[in-house]
Amino acid sequence: MYAIVFKKSAVKGLRRMPERISGRMLKELDRIASDPPNHSGDWKRLTGSKYWRLRVGRYRAICDLRDGELVLLVINAGPRGDIYK
């Protein structure tokens, strides 16, 4: 099981989301932390990057999976149009 760590930008983004969406995102992050390599669905590695993204509706979370430390670092979260900038 991986520990989930949130950067300030991710916490800020989650607070700005509708409560229903942020709740779903947190639930999905918990599922991913329990078995990241085998998690299917809306969890995938970004092309040409070490980062991963989680999709919940039109919202995204950008994550760094640190295998050596067993940490899932949530870097940022927000609407799709803003998250990749």
N, C-alpha and C. Protein backbone atom coordinates (compact mmCIF):
# COMPACT_ATOMS: atom_id res chain seq x y z
N MET A 1 0.85 -1.19 0.00
CA MET A 1 0.00 0.00 0.00
C MET A 1 0.89 1.24 0.00
N TYR A 2 0.58 2.17 -0.86
CA TYR A 2 1.31 3.42 -0.98
C TYR A 2 0.67 4.47 -0.07
N ALA A 3 1.50 5.35 0.47
CA ALA A 3 1.00 6.49 1.23
C ALA A 3 0.63 7.58 0.23
N ILE A 4 -0.44 8.31 0.48
CA ILE A 4 -0.86 9.40 -0.40
C ILE A 4 -0.42 10.71 0.23
N VAL A 5 0.35 11.50 -0.53
CA VAL A 5 0.84 12.80 -0.07
C VAL A 5 0.34 13.86 -1.06
N PHE A 6 -0.20 14.95 -0.54
CA PHE A 6 -0.75 16.02 -1.37
C PHE A 6 0.14 17.26 -1.30
N LYS A 7 0.49 17.82 -2.46
CA LYS A 7 1.14 19.12 -2.48
C LYS A 7 0.07 20.18 -2.25
N LYS A 8 0.50 21.39 -1.86
CA LYS A 8 -0.45 22.47 -1.59
C LYS A 8 -1.35 22.76 -2.79
N SER A 9 -0.76 22.73 -3.99
CA SER A 9 -1.54 23.01 -5.19
C SER A 9 -2.65 21.99 -5.40
N ALA A 10 -2.40 20.73 -5.04
CA ALA A 10 -3.41 19.69 -5.18
C ALA A 10 -4.54 19.89 -4.17
N VAL A 11 -4.18 20.24 -2.95
CA VAL A 11 -5.20 20.49 -1.91
C VAL A 11 -6.08 21.67 -2.33
N LYS A 12 -5.45 22.71 -2.84
CA LYS A 12 -6.18 23.90 -3.29
C LYS A 12 -7.14 23.53 -4.43
N GLY A 13 -6.66 22.73 -5.38
CA GLY A 13 -7.50 22.30 -6.49
C GLY A 13 -8.66 21.44 -6.05
N LEU A 14 -8.42 20.54 -5.11
CA LEU A 14 -9.49 19.67 -4.60
C LEU A 14 -10.56 20.49 -3.87
N ARG A 15 -10.14 21.51 -3.15
CA ARG A 15 -11.11 22.35 -2.42
C ARG A 15 -11.99 23.14 -3.37
N ARG A 16 -11.46 23.46 -4.55
CA ARG A 16 -12.23 24.24 -5.52
C ARG A 16 -13.22 23.40 -6.32
N MET A 17 -13.05 22.10 -6.29
CA MET A 17 -13.94 21.20 -7.03
C MET A 17 -15.27 21.06 -6.30
N PRO A 18 -16.31 20.69 -7.05
CA PRO A 18 -17.57 20.35 -6.37
C PRO A 18 -17.31 19.19 -5.40
N GLU A 19 -17.99 19.20 -4.28
CA GLU A 19 -17.76 18.20 -3.24
C GLU A 19 -17.95 16.77 -3.74
N ARG A 20 -18.91 16.57 -4.61
CA ARG A 20 -19.18 15.25 -5.17
C ARG A 20 -17.98 14.75 -5.98
N ILE A 21 -17.37 15.62 -6.76
CA ILE A 21 -16.23 15.25 -7.60
C ILE A 21 -14.99 15.00 -6.75
N SER A 22 -14.73 15.89 -5.79
CA SER A 22 -13.53 15.71 -4.95
C SER A 22 -13.64 14.42 -4.13
N GLY A 23 -14.84 14.08 -3.69
CA GLY A 23 -15.04 12.83 -2.96
C GLY A 23 -14.74 11.62 -3.83
N ARG A 24 -15.21 11.65 -5.07
CA ARG A 24 -14.92 10.55 -6.00
C ARG A 24 -13.42 10.46 -6.29
N MET A 25 -12.77 11.63 -6.43
CA MET A 25 -11.34 11.64 -6.72
C MET A 25 -10.55 11.05 -5.55
N LEU A 26 -10.91 11.40 -4.33
CA LEU A 26 -10.22 10.86 -3.16
C LEU A 26 -10.43 9.35 -3.04
N LYS A 27 -11.63 8.89 -3.36
CA LYS A 27 -11.92 7.46 -3.31
C LYS A 27 -11.07 6.71 -4.35
N GLU A 28 -10.95 7.28 -5.55
CA GLU A 28 -10.13 6.65 -6.60
C GLU A 28 -8.65 6.65 -6.21
N LEU A 29 -8.18 7.74 -5.60
CA LEU A 29 -6.78 7.79 -5.16
C LEU A 29 -6.50 6.71 -4.12
N ASP A 30 -7.46 6.46 -3.23
CA ASP A 30 -7.30 5.38 -2.25
C ASP A 30 -7.19 4.02 -2.94
N ARG A 31 -8.03 3.81 -3.94
CA ARG A 31 -7.97 2.54 -4.68
C ARG A 31 -6.63 2.37 -5.39
N ILE A 32 -6.16 3.45 -6.01
CA ILE A 32 -4.88 3.41 -6.73
C ILE A 32 -3.74 3.13 -5.76
N ALA A 33 -3.77 3.76 -4.59
CA ALA A 33 -2.70 3.58 -3.60
C ALA A 33 -2.61 2.14 -3.12
N SER A 34 -3.71 1.41 -3.18
CA SER A 34 -3.68 0.03 -2.71
C SER A 34 -3.00 -0.90 -3.71
N ASP A 35 -3.03 -0.58 -5.01
CA ASP A 35 -2.40 -1.43 -6.03
C ASP A 35 -2.18 -0.63 -7.32
N PRO A 36 -1.22 0.31 -7.33
CA PRO A 36 -1.06 1.22 -8.47
C PRO A 36 -0.77 0.58 -9.82
N PRO A 37 0.16 -0.37 -9.92
CA PRO A 37 0.49 -0.87 -11.26
C PRO A 37 -0.67 -1.60 -11.93
N ASN A 38 -1.56 -2.18 -11.15
CA ASN A 38 -2.64 -2.97 -11.71
C ASN A 38 -3.98 -2.24 -11.74
N HIS A 39 -3.98 -0.97 -11.38
CA HIS A 39 -5.24 -0.22 -11.38
C HIS A 39 -5.63 0.10 -12.82
N SER A 40 -6.86 -0.20 -13.15
CA SER A 40 -7.32 0.08 -14.51
C SER A 40 -8.28 1.26 -14.48
N GLY A 41 -8.86 1.55 -15.59
CA GLY A 41 -9.84 2.63 -15.64
C GLY A 41 -9.20 3.92 -16.09
N ASP A 42 -9.46 4.96 -15.36
CA ASP A 42 -9.03 6.29 -15.77
C ASP A 42 -7.71 6.71 -15.15
N TRP A 43 -6.81 5.78 -14.98
CA TRP A 43 -5.48 6.00 -14.41
C TRP A 43 -4.46 5.60 -15.46
N LYS A 44 -3.66 6.55 -15.96
CA LYS A 44 -2.67 6.17 -16.95
C LYS A 44 -1.47 7.10 -16.90
N ARG A 45 -0.36 6.60 -17.44
CA ARG A 45 0.88 7.39 -17.49
C ARG A 45 0.76 8.42 -18.60
N LEU A 46 1.23 9.64 -18.33
CA LEU A 46 1.23 10.68 -19.34
C LEU A 46 2.33 10.40 -20.36
N THR A 47 2.05 10.60 -21.62
CA THR A 47 2.99 10.33 -22.70
C THR A 47 4.23 11.20 -22.54
N GLY A 48 5.41 10.56 -22.58
CA GLY A 48 6.67 11.28 -22.50
C GLY A 48 6.96 11.90 -21.14
N SER A 49 6.37 11.37 -20.10
CA SER A 49 6.52 11.95 -18.77
C SER A 49 6.59 10.84 -17.72
N LYS A 50 7.13 11.19 -16.56
CA LYS A 50 7.14 10.23 -15.45
C LYS A 50 5.86 10.31 -14.63
N TYR A 51 5.00 11.27 -14.95
CA TYR A 51 3.78 11.50 -14.17
C TYR A 51 2.61 10.67 -14.68
N TRP A 52 1.63 10.52 -13.80
CA TRP A 52 0.40 9.80 -14.10
C TRP A 52 -0.76 10.77 -13.97
N ARG A 53 -1.89 10.42 -14.59
CA ARG A 53 -3.08 11.25 -14.42
C ARG A 53 -4.27 10.38 -14.05
N LEU A 54 -5.12 10.96 -13.23
CA LEU A 54 -6.37 10.33 -12.84
C LEU A 54 -7.49 11.20 -13.39
N ARG A 55 -8.45 10.59 -14.07
CA ARG A 55 -9.58 11.33 -14.64
C ARG A 55 -10.84 10.97 -13.87
N VAL A 56 -11.53 12.00 -13.42
CA VAL A 56 -12.85 11.84 -12.80
C VAL A 56 -13.75 12.88 -13.45
N GLY A 57 -14.58 12.43 -14.38
CA GLY A 57 -15.42 13.37 -15.13
C GLY A 57 -14.54 14.29 -15.95
N ARG A 58 -14.75 15.60 -15.82
CA ARG A 58 -13.92 16.55 -16.56
C ARG A 58 -12.77 17.10 -15.71
N TYR A 59 -12.53 16.47 -14.58
CA TYR A 59 -11.46 16.88 -13.67
C TYR A 59 -10.31 15.89 -13.73
N ARG A 60 -9.10 16.40 -13.44
CA ARG A 60 -7.90 15.57 -13.49
C ARG A 60 -7.05 15.80 -12.24
N ALA A 61 -6.29 14.78 -11.89
CA ALA A 61 -5.25 14.89 -10.86
C ALA A 61 -3.96 14.39 -11.49
N ILE A 62 -2.89 15.14 -11.32
CA ILE A 62 -1.58 14.75 -11.82
C ILE A 62 -0.79 14.21 -10.63
N CYS A 63 -0.22 13.02 -10.80
CA CYS A 63 0.44 12.32 -9.70
C CYS A 63 1.82 11.83 -10.09
N ASP A 64 2.66 11.67 -9.10
CA ASP A 64 3.98 11.06 -9.26
C ASP A 64 4.00 9.81 -8.39
N LEU A 65 4.25 8.68 -9.00
CA LEU A 65 4.26 7.40 -8.29
C LEU A 65 5.71 7.08 -7.95
N ARG A 66 6.06 7.18 -6.68
CA ARG A 66 7.44 6.95 -6.23
C ARG A 66 7.54 5.55 -5.64
N ASP A 67 7.95 4.61 -6.50
CA ASP A 67 7.99 3.20 -6.11
C ASP A 67 8.97 2.93 -4.98
N GLY A 68 10.15 3.56 -5.02
CA GLY A 68 11.16 3.31 -3.99
C GLY A 68 10.71 3.72 -2.60
N GLU A 69 9.89 4.76 -2.54
CA GLU A 69 9.42 5.28 -1.25
C GLU A 69 8.01 4.80 -0.90
N LEU A 70 7.35 4.13 -1.84
CA LEU A 70 5.95 3.72 -1.69
C LEU A 70 5.06 4.93 -1.38
N VAL A 71 5.21 5.97 -2.21
CA VAL A 71 4.46 7.21 -2.05
C VAL A 71 3.74 7.55 -3.35
N LEU A 72 2.47 7.92 -3.24
CA LEU A 72 1.71 8.46 -4.35
C LEU A 72 1.58 9.95 -4.08
N LEU A 73 2.37 10.77 -4.80
CA LEU A 73 2.38 12.21 -4.60
C LEU A 73 1.40 12.86 -5.56
N VAL A 74 0.38 13.51 -5.03
CA VAL A 74 -0.61 14.20 -5.86
C VAL A 74 -0.10 15.63 -6.02
N ILE A 75 0.28 15.97 -7.26
CA ILE A 75 0.93 17.24 -7.54
C ILE A 75 -0.07 18.36 -7.76
N ASN A 76 -1.11 18.08 -8.54
CA ASN A 76 -2.09 19.11 -8.85
C ASN A 76 -3.43 18.45 -9.17
N ALA A 77 -4.50 19.20 -9.02
CA ALA A 77 -5.84 18.71 -9.34
C ALA A 77 -6.69 19.88 -9.78
N GLY A 78 -7.57 19.62 -10.74
CA GLY A 78 -8.45 20.67 -11.22
C GLY A 78 -9.14 20.30 -12.51
N PRO A 79 -9.82 21.28 -13.13
CA PRO A 79 -10.51 21.02 -14.40
C PRO A 79 -9.51 20.69 -15.50
N ARG A 80 -9.93 19.87 -16.44
CA ARG A 80 -9.04 19.41 -17.50
C ARG A 80 -8.39 20.58 -18.25
N GLY A 81 -9.12 21.63 -18.54
CA GLY A 81 -8.59 22.75 -19.30
C GLY A 81 -7.47 23.50 -18.60
N ASP A 82 -7.41 23.43 -17.29
CA ASP A 82 -6.41 24.18 -16.52
C ASP A 82 -5.25 23.32 -16.04
N ILE A 83 -5.45 22.04 -15.94
CA ILE A 83 -4.49 21.18 -15.25
C ILE A 83 -3.20 20.97 -16.02
N TYR A 84 -3.25 20.99 -17.34
CA TYR A 84 -2.07 20.68 -18.13
C TYR A 84 -1.25 21.92 -18.48
N LYS A 85 -1.64 23.08 -17.99
CA LYS A 85 -0.91 24.33 -18.30
C LYS A 85 0.31 24.47 -17.44
